C-alpha atoms as a PDB file:
ATOM      1  CA  MET A   1      98.201 100.120  92.386  1.00  0.00           C
ATOM      2  CA  THR A   2      95.662 100.047  95.212  1.00  0.00           C
ATOM      3  CA  SER A   3      92.439 102.067  95.018  1.00  0.00           C
ATOM      4  CA  SER A   4      89.947 102.855  97.757  1.00  0.00           C
ATOM      5  CA  GLY A   5      87.048 103.034  95.294  1.00  0.00           C
ATOM      6  CA  GLY A   6      86.200 106.361  96.839  1.00  0.00           C
ATOM      7  CA  GLN A   7      83.638 107.758  99.165  1.00  0.00           C
ATOM      8  CA  LEU A   8      80.781 110.141  98.548  1.00  0.00           C
ATOM      9  CA  LEU A   9      80.401 113.109 100.880  1.00  0.00           C
ATOM     10  CA  THR A  10      77.314 115.302 101.066  1.00  0.00           C
ATOM     11  CA  PHE A  11      77.482 118.825 102.447  1.00  0.00           C
ATOM     12  CA  SER A  12      74.368 120.773 103.337  1.00  0.00           C
ATOM     13  CA  ALA A  13      74.197 124.539 103.720  1.00  0.00           C
ATOM     14  CA  GLY A  14      70.823 126.123 104.080  1.00  0.00           C
ATOM     15  CA  ARG A  15      68.619 124.475 101.480  1.00  0.00           C
ATOM     16  CA  ARG A  16      71.446 123.425  99.199  1.00  0.00           C
ATOM     17  CA  ASP A  17      73.218 120.042  99.145  1.00  0.00           C
ATOM     18  CA  THR A  18      76.545 119.440  97.423  1.00  0.00           C
ATOM     19  CA  MET A  19      77.963 115.988  96.701  1.00  0.00           C
ATOM     20  CA  VAL A  20      81.726 115.473  96.528  1.00  0.00           C
ATOM     21  CA  LYS A  21      83.657 112.298  95.783  1.00  0.00           C
ATOM     22  CA  GLN A  22      86.990 111.572  97.407  1.00  0.00           C
ATOM     23  CA  ALA A  23      89.197 108.797  96.050  1.00  0.00           C
ATOM     24  CA  ALA A  24      92.597 107.591  97.222  1.00  0.00           C
ATOM     25  CA  VAL A  25      95.056 105.564  95.145  1.00  0.00           C
ATOM     26  CA  ARG A  26      98.408 104.211  96.248  1.00  0.00           C
ATOM     27  CA  ASP A  27     101.076 103.251  93.718  1.00  0.00           C
ATOM     28  CA  GLY A  28     104.297 102.249  95.445  1.00  0.00           C
ATOM     29  CA  SER A  29     105.378 105.192  97.566  1.00  0.00           C
ATOM     30  CA  VAL A  30     102.916 107.613  95.930  1.00  0.00           C
ATOM     31  CA  LEU A  31      99.584 108.263  97.648  1.00  0.00           C
ATOM     32  CA  LEU A  32      97.183 110.308  95.538  1.00  0.00           C
ATOM     33  CA  ILE A  33      93.985 111.752  97.020  1.00  0.00           C
ATOM     34  CA  VAL A  34      91.547 113.447  94.647  1.00  0.00           C
ATOM     35  CA  SER A  35      88.338 115.241  95.664  1.00  0.00           C
ATOM     36  CA  GLY A  36      85.677 116.876  93.538  1.00  0.00           C
ATOM     37  CA  SER A  37      82.647 116.266  91.388  1.00  0.00           C
ATOM     38  CA  PRO A  38      81.968 112.492  91.305  1.00  0.00           C
ATOM     39  CA  ALA A  39      81.990 112.319  87.494  1.00  0.00           C
ATOM     40  CA  LEU A  40      85.200 114.343  87.180  1.00  0.00           C
ATOM     41  CA  VAL A  41      87.037 112.322  89.821  1.00  0.00           C
ATOM     42  CA  ASP A  42      86.135 109.095  88.001  1.00  0.00           C
ATOM     43  CA  ARG A  43      87.093 110.534  84.614  1.00  0.00           C
ATOM     44  CA  HIS A  44      90.486 111.980  85.603  1.00  0.00           C
ATOM     45  CA  LEU A  45      91.825 109.686  88.330  1.00  0.00           C
ATOM     46  CA  ASP A  46      93.976 107.484  86.044  1.00  0.00           C
ATOM     47  CA  LYS A  47      95.410 110.476  84.160  1.00  0.00           C
ATOM     48  CA  THR A  48      96.238 112.260  87.414  1.00  0.00           C
ATOM     49  CA  LEU A  49      97.997 109.181  88.809  1.00  0.00           C
ATOM     50  CA  ALA A  50     100.026 108.839  85.609  1.00  0.00           C
ATOM     51  CA  LYS A  51     101.176 112.456  85.906  1.00  0.00           C
ATOM     52  CA  ALA A  52     102.042 112.078  89.585  1.00  0.00           C
ATOM     53  CA  THR A  53     104.090 108.912  89.088  1.00  0.00           C
ATOM     54  CA  ALA A  54     105.854 110.305  86.001  1.00  0.00           C
ATOM     55  CA  ALA A  55     107.059 113.279  88.041  1.00  0.00           C
ATOM     56  CA  ARG A  56     109.042 111.053  90.446  1.00  0.00           C
END
């Protein structure tokens, strides 16, 4: 398994800023890209990869 560690993206609209994390993980021929709240991406990345690789 190879992980990018992720990147943090900040979007600004008007006076509001939103932070989003994007992480990419490669496991064999499966490439998984997850985006969302930084804490939720960190919490669910392993579980999501397990589901994606089990479905093959």
